[in-house]
Amino acid sequence: MAKGYVQLYTGDGKGKTTAALGLALRSAGHKKRVFIGQFMKGQYYGELSALADIGEIDIEQFGDAGCIRREEVTDLHRQHAEQGIKRIEEIMLSGDYQMVIMDEIVVAIWFGIVDVERVLGVLKKRHEGIELILTGRRAPARLIEAADLVTEMQEIRHYYRDGVPAREGIEF
């Protein structure tokens, strides 16, 4: 790729991570290397198994085993996120990957686990040939301005509102 772009998938609707994973698969199908860093995730998701056998895709998690609320953020959560950002920077400098996905990094910003300035700094360090994908709800205006492509997922209807819990193979 001569030039990579920064893509941002945000909004309260379902499908942000799913869209990023779709891009990862498409890129891998063209023999391009993809690194996926999942922020705020340390538990099992189906994509971990599904992507394990795809040699072009590497995935690492930078979060705890359980979900947290904004008021439950600790220094340990901040340490995990900082380790993830450092790993992303290392990956981008390696020259080994053509696509880097920072899954749920926007939620980490919204939760106060990561400062938006830190993420904007990552964008500035990006080699121009790397396609960088950011996902998560409630993207701050500064991140939206910095991205080349912004898609907002809007919820029209969701079965969660009817009490349907997260389903294996669909939400995780």
N, C-alpha and C. Protein backbone atom coordinates (compact mmCIF):
# COMPACT_ATOMS: atom_id res chain seq x y z
N MET A 1 0.84 -1.18 0.00
CA MET A 1 0.00 0.00 0.00
C MET A 1 0.88 1.24 0.00
N ALA A 2 0.69 2.11 -0.93
CA ALA A 2 1.48 3.32 -0.99
C ALA A 2 1.11 4.26 0.16
N LYS A 3 -0.18 4.41 0.42
CA LYS A 3 -0.64 5.29 1.49
C LYS A 3 -1.71 4.58 2.29
N GLY A 4 -1.55 4.60 3.59
CA GLY A 4 -2.58 4.08 4.47
C GLY A 4 -3.36 5.23 5.06
N TYR A 5 -4.54 4.95 5.53
CA TYR A 5 -5.41 5.97 6.11
C TYR A 5 -5.80 5.58 7.53
N VAL A 6 -6.34 6.55 8.24
CA VAL A 6 -6.86 6.32 9.58
C VAL A 6 -8.37 6.20 9.47
N GLN A 7 -8.89 5.04 9.86
CA GLN A 7 -10.33 4.80 9.83
C GLN A 7 -10.84 4.72 11.27
N LEU A 8 -11.99 5.32 11.51
CA LEU A 8 -12.60 5.35 12.83
C LEU A 8 -14.03 4.83 12.73
N TYR A 9 -14.32 3.79 13.52
CA TYR A 9 -15.67 3.23 13.61
C TYR A 9 -16.19 3.53 15.01
N THR A 10 -17.23 4.35 15.10
CA THR A 10 -17.74 4.80 16.38
C THR A 10 -19.26 4.76 16.38
N GLY A 11 -19.86 5.27 17.43
CA GLY A 11 -21.32 5.31 17.54
C GLY A 11 -21.83 4.26 18.51
N ASP A 12 -23.11 4.37 18.84
CA ASP A 12 -23.72 3.48 19.82
C ASP A 12 -24.33 2.23 19.21
N GLY A 13 -24.27 2.10 17.90
CA GLY A 13 -24.80 0.91 17.26
C GLY A 13 -23.80 -0.23 17.25
N LYS A 14 -24.33 -1.42 16.99
CA LYS A 14 -23.51 -2.64 16.95
C LYS A 14 -22.74 -2.70 15.62
N GLY A 15 -21.52 -3.26 15.67
CA GLY A 15 -20.82 -3.53 14.41
C GLY A 15 -19.46 -2.89 14.24
N LYS A 16 -18.97 -2.16 15.21
CA LYS A 16 -17.69 -1.48 15.06
C LYS A 16 -16.52 -2.47 15.00
N THR A 17 -16.44 -3.33 15.99
CA THR A 17 -15.39 -4.35 15.98
C THR A 17 -15.58 -5.30 14.81
N THR A 18 -16.83 -5.65 14.53
CA THR A 18 -17.12 -6.56 13.42
C THR A 18 -16.63 -5.97 12.10
N ALA A 19 -16.82 -4.68 11.89
CA ALA A 19 -16.33 -4.03 10.67
C ALA A 19 -14.81 -4.09 10.61
N ALA A 20 -14.16 -3.83 11.74
CA ALA A 20 -12.69 -3.87 11.76
C ALA A 20 -12.17 -5.27 11.48
N LEU A 21 -12.84 -6.28 12.05
CA LEU A 21 -12.42 -7.67 11.80
C LEU A 21 -12.64 -8.04 10.34
N GLY A 22 -13.69 -7.53 9.74
CA GLY A 22 -13.91 -7.76 8.31
C GLY A 22 -12.79 -7.20 7.47
N LEU A 23 -12.31 -5.99 7.83
CA LEU A 23 -11.18 -5.40 7.12
C LEU A 23 -9.92 -6.24 7.31
N ALA A 24 -9.73 -6.76 8.51
CA ALA A 24 -8.57 -7.61 8.79
C ALA A 24 -8.59 -8.84 7.89
N LEU A 25 -9.75 -9.47 7.77
CA LEU A 25 -9.87 -10.66 6.91
C LEU A 25 -9.62 -10.32 5.45
N ARG A 26 -10.18 -9.23 5.00
CA ARG A 26 -9.98 -8.81 3.61
C ARG A 26 -8.51 -8.55 3.34
N SER A 27 -7.86 -7.86 4.25
CA SER A 27 -6.44 -7.55 4.08
C SER A 27 -5.60 -8.83 4.08
N ALA A 28 -5.90 -9.74 5.02
CA ALA A 28 -5.17 -11.02 5.09
C ALA A 28 -5.36 -11.82 3.81
N GLY A 29 -6.54 -11.71 3.20
CA GLY A 29 -6.80 -12.40 1.95
C GLY A 29 -5.91 -11.93 0.82
N HIS A 30 -5.35 -10.74 0.95
CA HIS A 30 -4.40 -10.20 -0.02
C HIS A 30 -2.97 -10.34 0.49
N LYS A 31 -2.78 -11.23 1.48
CA LYS A 31 -1.46 -11.55 2.04
C LYS A 31 -0.80 -10.35 2.71
N LYS A 32 -1.61 -9.45 3.25
CA LYS A 32 -1.09 -8.32 4.01
C LYS A 32 -1.15 -8.67 5.50
N ARG A 33 -0.16 -8.27 6.25
CA ARG A 33 -0.08 -8.57 7.68
C ARG A 33 -0.93 -7.59 8.47
N VAL A 34 -1.65 -8.12 9.45
CA VAL A 34 -2.56 -7.32 10.29
C VAL A 34 -2.25 -7.58 11.76
N PHE A 35 -2.18 -6.51 12.53
CA PHE A 35 -2.06 -6.64 13.99
C PHE A 35 -3.31 -6.04 14.61
N ILE A 36 -3.95 -6.81 15.48
CA ILE A 36 -5.14 -6.34 16.19
C ILE A 36 -4.81 -6.25 17.67
N GLY A 37 -4.90 -5.06 18.22
CA GLY A 37 -4.75 -4.84 19.65
C GLY A 37 -6.11 -4.55 20.24
N GLN A 38 -6.58 -5.43 21.11
CA GLN A 38 -7.90 -5.24 21.73
C GLN A 38 -7.73 -4.60 23.10
N PHE A 39 -8.17 -3.37 23.21
CA PHE A 39 -8.11 -2.63 24.46
C PHE A 39 -9.37 -2.92 25.27
N MET A 40 -9.21 -2.94 26.58
CA MET A 40 -10.31 -3.18 27.51
C MET A 40 -10.89 -4.58 27.39
N LYS A 41 -10.19 -5.46 26.73
CA LYS A 41 -10.65 -6.84 26.58
C LYS A 41 -9.55 -7.78 27.05
N GLY A 42 -9.93 -8.72 27.91
CA GLY A 42 -9.00 -9.73 28.36
C GLY A 42 -9.68 -11.07 28.46
N GLN A 43 -10.93 -11.09 28.04
CA GLN A 43 -11.73 -12.31 28.10
C GLN A 43 -11.82 -12.94 26.71
N TYR A 44 -12.37 -14.13 26.67
CA TYR A 44 -12.47 -14.86 25.41
C TYR A 44 -13.54 -14.25 24.51
N TYR A 45 -13.17 -14.06 23.26
CA TYR A 45 -14.08 -13.67 22.18
C TYR A 45 -13.84 -14.66 21.05
N GLY A 46 -14.86 -15.00 20.30
CA GLY A 46 -14.77 -15.99 19.24
C GLY A 46 -13.70 -15.69 18.21
N GLU A 47 -13.43 -14.42 17.97
CA GLU A 47 -12.42 -14.07 16.97
C GLU A 47 -11.02 -14.54 17.37
N LEU A 48 -10.78 -14.71 18.65
CA LEU A 48 -9.46 -15.18 19.09
C LEU A 48 -9.17 -16.56 18.49
N SER A 49 -10.15 -17.45 18.54
CA SER A 49 -9.97 -18.79 17.97
C SER A 49 -10.00 -18.75 16.45
N ALA A 50 -10.94 -17.99 15.90
CA ALA A 50 -11.12 -17.96 14.45
C ALA A 50 -9.89 -17.40 13.73
N LEU A 51 -9.25 -16.43 14.34
CA LEU A 51 -8.11 -15.78 13.70
C LEU A 51 -6.77 -16.46 14.00
N ALA A 52 -6.76 -17.37 14.96
CA ALA A 52 -5.51 -18.01 15.40
C ALA A 52 -4.79 -18.75 14.27
N ASP A 53 -5.53 -19.29 13.33
CA ASP A 53 -4.92 -20.06 12.25
C ASP A 53 -4.66 -19.25 10.99
N ILE A 54 -4.94 -17.97 11.04
CA ILE A 54 -4.68 -17.11 9.88
C ILE A 54 -3.31 -16.46 10.10
N GLY A 55 -2.34 -16.94 9.38
CA GLY A 55 -0.95 -16.52 9.59
C GLY A 55 -0.69 -15.04 9.42
N GLU A 56 -1.51 -14.36 8.66
CA GLU A 56 -1.29 -12.93 8.41
C GLU A 56 -1.82 -12.05 9.53
N ILE A 57 -2.60 -12.62 10.46
CA ILE A 57 -3.25 -11.82 11.52
C ILE A 57 -2.71 -12.22 12.88
N ASP A 58 -2.25 -11.23 13.63
CA ASP A 58 -1.85 -11.41 15.02
C ASP A 58 -2.78 -10.58 15.90
N ILE A 59 -3.18 -11.14 17.03
CA ILE A 59 -4.10 -10.45 17.92
C ILE A 59 -3.62 -10.57 19.36
N GLU A 60 -3.67 -9.44 20.07
CA GLU A 60 -3.30 -9.41 21.49
C GLU A 60 -4.34 -8.57 22.23
N GLN A 61 -4.54 -8.91 23.50
CA GLN A 61 -5.49 -8.18 24.34
C GLN A 61 -4.77 -7.38 25.41
N PHE A 62 -5.31 -6.21 25.70
CA PHE A 62 -4.73 -5.31 26.69
C PHE A 62 -5.82 -4.86 27.67
N GLY A 63 -6.36 -5.81 28.40
CA GLY A 63 -7.41 -5.50 29.35
C GLY A 63 -7.58 -6.61 30.35
N ASP A 64 -8.56 -6.43 31.22
CA ASP A 64 -8.87 -7.41 32.26
C ASP A 64 -9.84 -8.45 31.74
N ALA A 65 -9.98 -9.52 32.49
CA ALA A 65 -10.87 -10.62 32.11
C ALA A 65 -12.35 -10.25 32.21
N GLY A 66 -12.68 -9.22 32.94
CA GLY A 66 -14.09 -8.84 33.09
C GLY A 66 -14.38 -7.45 32.55
N CYS A 67 -15.65 -7.20 32.31
CA CYS A 67 -16.08 -5.87 31.86
C CYS A 67 -16.13 -4.94 33.07
N ILE A 68 -15.84 -3.68 32.82
CA ILE A 68 -15.89 -2.70 33.90
C ILE A 68 -16.77 -1.52 33.49
N ARG A 69 -17.17 -0.74 34.49
CA ARG A 69 -17.88 0.52 34.26
C ARG A 69 -16.88 1.66 34.47
N ARG A 70 -17.25 2.83 34.00
CA ARG A 70 -16.34 3.99 34.09
C ARG A 70 -15.87 4.27 35.51
N GLU A 71 -16.76 4.10 36.47
CA GLU A 71 -16.40 4.39 37.86
C GLU A 71 -15.52 3.31 38.50
N GLU A 72 -15.25 2.24 37.77
CA GLU A 72 -14.43 1.14 38.30
C GLU A 72 -13.00 1.13 37.77
N VAL A 73 -12.62 2.15 37.04
CA VAL A 73 -11.28 2.21 36.44
C VAL A 73 -10.22 2.33 37.53
N THR A 74 -9.17 1.53 37.39
CA THR A 74 -8.05 1.55 38.34
C THR A 74 -6.76 1.85 37.60
N ASP A 75 -5.71 2.03 38.37
CA ASP A 75 -4.39 2.23 37.76
C ASP A 75 -3.96 1.02 36.96
N LEU A 76 -4.39 -0.17 37.37
CA LEU A 76 -4.05 -1.38 36.62
C LEU A 76 -4.65 -1.33 35.21
N HIS A 77 -5.87 -0.82 35.08
CA HIS A 77 -6.48 -0.66 33.75
C HIS A 77 -5.66 0.30 32.90
N ARG A 78 -5.21 1.37 33.52
CA ARG A 78 -4.38 2.35 32.80
C ARG A 78 -3.04 1.73 32.38
N GLN A 79 -2.48 0.89 33.24
CA GLN A 79 -1.21 0.21 32.91
C GLN A 79 -1.40 -0.74 31.73
N HIS A 80 -2.49 -1.50 31.74
CA HIS A 80 -2.75 -2.41 30.61
C HIS A 80 -2.86 -1.63 29.31
N ALA A 81 -3.59 -0.52 29.35
CA ALA A 81 -3.77 0.29 28.14
C ALA A 81 -2.45 0.88 27.67
N GLU A 82 -1.64 1.36 28.58
CA GLU A 82 -0.35 1.93 28.21
C GLU A 82 0.55 0.87 27.60
N GLN A 83 0.53 -0.35 28.17
CA GLN A 83 1.28 -1.45 27.57
C GLN A 83 0.81 -1.71 26.14
N GLY A 84 -0.50 -1.63 25.94
CA GLY A 84 -1.06 -1.83 24.61
C GLY A 84 -0.63 -0.76 23.63
N ILE A 85 -0.64 0.48 24.07
CA ILE A 85 -0.23 1.58 23.19
C ILE A 85 1.25 1.44 22.83
N LYS A 86 2.06 1.10 23.82
CA LYS A 86 3.49 0.90 23.53
C LYS A 86 3.68 -0.24 22.54
N ARG A 87 2.90 -1.29 22.69
CA ARG A 87 2.99 -2.42 21.76
C ARG A 87 2.57 -1.99 20.35
N ILE A 88 1.51 -1.22 20.25
CA ILE A 88 1.05 -0.69 18.95
C ILE A 88 2.16 0.14 18.31
N GLU A 89 2.78 1.01 19.08
CA GLU A 89 3.87 1.84 18.55
C GLU A 89 5.02 0.96 18.05
N GLU A 90 5.36 -0.06 18.82
CA GLU A 90 6.41 -0.99 18.43
C GLU A 90 6.05 -1.70 17.12
N ILE A 91 4.82 -2.15 17.02
CA ILE A 91 4.33 -2.84 15.82
C ILE A 91 4.40 -1.92 14.61
N MET A 92 3.98 -0.68 14.79
CA MET A 92 3.98 0.25 13.65
C MET A 92 5.39 0.58 13.18
N LEU A 93 6.33 0.59 14.10
CA LEU A 93 7.72 0.88 13.72
C LEU A 93 8.43 -0.33 13.13
N SER A 94 7.89 -1.52 13.37
CA SER A 94 8.55 -2.75 12.91
C SER A 94 8.57 -2.88 11.39
N GLY A 95 7.59 -2.31 10.73
CA GLY A 95 7.49 -2.45 9.27
C GLY A 95 6.94 -3.80 8.85
N ASP A 96 6.51 -4.62 9.81
CA ASP A 96 6.01 -5.97 9.52
C ASP A 96 4.52 -6.02 9.19
N TYR A 97 3.80 -4.96 9.47
CA TYR A 97 2.34 -4.98 9.32
C TYR A 97 1.88 -3.84 8.42
N GLN A 98 0.87 -4.14 7.61
CA GLN A 98 0.29 -3.13 6.73
C GLN A 98 -1.01 -2.55 7.32
N MET A 99 -1.59 -3.27 8.29
CA MET A 99 -2.81 -2.79 8.94
C MET A 99 -2.67 -3.01 10.45
N VAL A 100 -3.08 -1.99 11.21
CA VAL A 100 -3.09 -2.08 12.66
C VAL A 100 -4.47 -1.65 13.14
N ILE A 101 -5.06 -2.49 13.99
CA ILE A 101 -6.39 -2.21 14.53
C ILE A 101 -6.28 -1.98 16.03
N MET A 102 -6.79 -0.86 16.49
CA MET A 102 -6.86 -0.55 17.92
C MET A 102 -8.32 -0.67 18.33
N ASP A 103 -8.71 -1.89 18.63
CA ASP A 103 -10.10 -2.20 18.95
C ASP A 103 -10.46 -1.68 20.34
N GLU A 104 -11.55 -0.96 20.43
CA GLU A 104 -12.09 -0.38 21.67
C GLU A 104 -11.19 0.69 22.29
N ILE A 105 -10.26 1.22 21.54
CA ILE A 105 -9.42 2.29 22.06
C ILE A 105 -10.24 3.54 22.37
N VAL A 106 -11.31 3.75 21.61
CA VAL A 106 -12.13 4.94 21.82
C VAL A 106 -12.88 4.83 23.16
N VAL A 107 -13.32 3.64 23.51
CA VAL A 107 -13.96 3.44 24.81
C VAL A 107 -12.94 3.68 25.92
N ALA A 108 -11.71 3.24 25.71
CA ALA A 108 -10.66 3.49 26.71
C ALA A 108 -10.45 4.99 26.92
N ILE A 109 -10.58 5.77 25.87
CA ILE A 109 -10.50 7.23 26.00
C ILE A 109 -11.69 7.73 26.81
N TRP A 110 -12.89 7.30 26.44
CA TRP A 110 -14.12 7.75 27.11
C TRP A 110 -14.11 7.39 28.59
N PHE A 111 -13.55 6.23 28.93
CA PHE A 111 -13.47 5.79 30.32
C PHE A 111 -12.38 6.53 31.10
N GLY A 112 -11.52 7.28 30.42
CA GLY A 112 -10.42 7.97 31.09
C GLY A 112 -9.23 7.07 31.35
N ILE A 113 -9.19 5.92 30.69
CA ILE A 113 -8.08 4.99 30.85
C ILE A 113 -6.88 5.45 30.02
N VAL A 114 -7.18 6.05 28.89
CA VAL A 114 -6.16 6.58 27.98
C VAL A 114 -6.55 8.01 27.64
N ASP A 115 -5.56 8.88 27.57
CA ASP A 115 -5.81 10.26 27.19
C ASP A 115 -5.87 10.37 25.66
N VAL A 116 -6.78 11.18 25.17
CA VAL A 116 -6.91 11.35 23.72
C VAL A 116 -5.61 11.84 23.11
N GLU A 117 -4.85 12.64 23.84
CA GLU A 117 -3.56 13.13 23.32
C GLU A 117 -2.59 11.99 23.07
N ARG A 118 -2.65 10.98 23.92
CA ARG A 118 -1.77 9.82 23.76
C ARG A 118 -2.09 9.09 22.46
N VAL A 119 -3.39 8.94 22.18
CA VAL A 119 -3.82 8.26 20.96
C VAL A 119 -3.50 9.11 19.73
N LEU A 120 -3.71 10.40 19.81
CA LEU A 120 -3.36 11.28 18.70
C LEU A 120 -1.85 11.21 18.42
N GLY A 121 -1.06 11.04 19.47
CA GLY A 121 0.38 10.87 19.30
C GLY A 121 0.72 9.60 18.52
N VAL A 122 -0.05 8.55 18.75
CA VAL A 122 0.14 7.30 18.00
C VAL A 122 -0.15 7.54 16.53
N LEU A 123 -1.22 8.29 16.24
CA LEU A 123 -1.56 8.59 14.85
C LEU A 123 -0.43 9.33 14.16
N LYS A 124 0.21 10.23 14.87
CA LYS A 124 1.31 11.01 14.30
C LYS A 124 2.55 10.16 14.03
N LYS A 125 2.74 9.11 14.83
CA LYS A 125 3.91 8.23 14.67
C LYS A 125 3.70 7.19 13.57
N ARG A 126 2.49 7.07 13.10
CA ARG A 126 2.16 6.03 12.12
C ARG A 126 2.91 6.25 10.81
N HIS A 127 3.53 5.19 10.33
CA HIS A 127 4.17 5.23 9.01
C HIS A 127 3.05 5.40 7.98
N GLU A 128 3.28 6.16 6.95
CA GLU A 128 2.22 6.49 6.00
C GLU A 128 1.67 5.29 5.23
N GLY A 129 2.36 4.17 5.27
CA GLY A 129 1.88 2.98 4.57
C GLY A 129 0.97 2.09 5.41
N ILE A 130 0.76 2.45 6.66
CA ILE A 130 -0.06 1.62 7.56
C ILE A 130 -1.49 2.12 7.60
N GLU A 131 -2.41 1.20 7.37
CA GLU A 131 -3.83 1.49 7.54
C GLU A 131 -4.12 1.29 9.04
N LEU A 132 -4.59 2.33 9.69
CA LEU A 132 -4.84 2.28 11.13
C LEU A 132 -6.34 2.39 11.38
N ILE A 133 -6.88 1.40 12.09
CA ILE A 133 -8.31 1.33 12.37
C ILE A 133 -8.53 1.51 13.86
N LEU A 134 -9.42 2.41 14.23
CA LEU A 134 -9.78 2.66 15.63
C LEU A 134 -11.26 2.35 15.80
N THR A 135 -11.62 1.68 16.90
CA THR A 135 -13.03 1.40 17.15
C THR A 135 -13.42 1.83 18.56
N GLY A 136 -14.72 2.04 18.73
CA GLY A 136 -15.27 2.31 20.05
C GLY A 136 -16.30 3.43 20.05
N ARG A 137 -17.20 3.34 21.00
CA ARG A 137 -18.26 4.33 21.17
C ARG A 137 -17.71 5.67 21.64
N ARG A 138 -18.46 6.71 21.32
CA ARG A 138 -18.25 8.05 21.86
C ARG A 138 -16.90 8.66 21.52
N ALA A 139 -16.56 8.66 20.27
CA ALA A 139 -15.29 9.25 19.83
C ALA A 139 -15.30 10.75 20.10
N PRO A 140 -14.22 11.26 20.69
CA PRO A 140 -14.12 12.71 20.90
C PRO A 140 -13.91 13.43 19.56
N ALA A 141 -14.33 14.67 19.52
CA ALA A 141 -14.26 15.47 18.29
C ALA A 141 -12.84 15.52 17.73
N ARG A 142 -11.83 15.60 18.58
CA ARG A 142 -10.45 15.70 18.10
C ARG A 142 -10.02 14.44 17.36
N LEU A 143 -10.51 13.30 17.80
CA LEU A 143 -10.18 12.04 17.13
C LEU A 143 -10.93 11.95 15.79
N ILE A 144 -12.16 12.39 15.78
CA ILE A 144 -12.94 12.42 14.54
C ILE A 144 -12.25 13.31 13.51
N GLU A 145 -11.76 14.46 13.94
CA GLU A 145 -11.07 15.38 13.04
C GLU A 145 -9.77 14.78 12.50
N ALA A 146 -9.10 13.97 13.29
CA ALA A 146 -7.81 13.41 12.90
C ALA A 146 -7.96 12.23 11.94
N ALA A 147 -9.12 11.60 11.90
CA ALA A 147 -9.32 10.41 11.05
C ALA A 147 -9.60 10.81 9.61
N ASP A 148 -9.24 9.92 8.70
CA ASP A 148 -9.51 10.13 7.27
C ASP A 148 -10.88 9.62 6.88
N LEU A 149 -11.35 8.59 7.57
CA LEU A 149 -12.65 7.99 7.31
C LEU A 149 -13.32 7.78 8.66
N VAL A 150 -14.55 8.26 8.80
CA VAL A 150 -15.30 8.09 10.04
C VAL A 150 -16.65 7.51 9.70
N THR A 151 -16.97 6.38 10.34
CA THR A 151 -18.29 5.77 10.20
C THR A 151 -18.92 5.71 11.57
N GLU A 152 -20.14 6.20 11.67
CA GLU A 152 -20.87 6.14 12.93
C GLU A 152 -21.95 5.07 12.82
N MET A 153 -21.85 4.08 13.68
CA MET A 153 -22.87 3.03 13.76
C MET A 153 -24.00 3.55 14.62
N GLN A 154 -25.19 3.59 14.07
CA GLN A 154 -26.34 4.12 14.79
C GLN A 154 -27.31 2.99 15.12
N GLU A 155 -27.68 2.90 16.37
CA GLU A 155 -28.65 1.89 16.77
C GLU A 155 -30.06 2.37 16.41
N ILE A 156 -30.76 1.56 15.68
CA ILE A 156 -32.16 1.82 15.37
C ILE A 156 -33.03 0.95 16.28
N ARG A 157 -32.64 -0.30 16.39
CA ARG A 157 -33.33 -1.26 17.26
C ARG A 157 -32.30 -2.28 17.72
N HIS A 158 -32.42 -2.73 18.96
CA HIS A 158 -31.50 -3.75 19.47
C HIS A 158 -32.25 -4.66 20.42
N TYR A 159 -32.04 -5.94 20.29
CA TYR A 159 -32.72 -6.92 21.14
C TYR A 159 -32.24 -6.88 22.59
N TYR A 160 -31.14 -6.21 22.88
CA TYR A 160 -30.73 -6.02 24.28
C TYR A 160 -31.85 -5.34 25.07
N ARG A 161 -32.52 -4.42 24.41
CA ARG A 161 -33.59 -3.65 25.08
C ARG A 161 -34.77 -4.55 25.48
N ASP A 162 -34.84 -5.72 24.86
CA ASP A 162 -35.87 -6.70 25.22
C ASP A 162 -35.34 -7.72 26.22
N GLY A 163 -34.14 -7.47 26.76
CA GLY A 163 -33.57 -8.35 27.76
C GLY A 163 -32.76 -9.51 27.23
N VAL A 164 -32.46 -9.52 25.94
CA VAL A 164 -31.66 -10.60 25.36
C VAL A 164 -30.20 -10.37 25.75
N PRO A 165 -29.56 -11.33 26.42
CA PRO A 165 -28.16 -11.15 26.82
C PRO A 165 -27.22 -11.36 25.62
N ALA A 166 -25.96 -10.98 25.83
CA ALA A 166 -24.94 -11.20 24.78
C ALA A 166 -24.90 -12.68 24.43
N ARG A 167 -24.86 -12.97 23.12
CA ARG A 167 -24.91 -14.35 22.65
C ARG A 167 -23.57 -14.79 22.10
N GLU A 168 -23.21 -16.03 22.45
CA GLU A 168 -21.97 -16.62 21.97
C GLU A 168 -21.98 -16.70 20.44
N GLY A 169 -20.90 -16.26 19.84
CA GLY A 169 -20.80 -16.31 18.38
C GLY A 169 -21.42 -15.10 17.68
N ILE A 170 -22.13 -14.27 18.42
CA ILE A 170 -22.72 -13.06 17.84
C ILE A 170 -22.13 -11.81 18.50
N GLU A 171 -22.23 -11.71 19.82
CA GLU A 171 -21.67 -10.55 20.52
C GLU A 171 -20.30 -10.83 21.12
N PHE A 172 -19.96 -12.08 21.28
CA PHE A 172 -18.63 -12.40 21.80
C PHE A 172 -18.13 -13.71 21.22
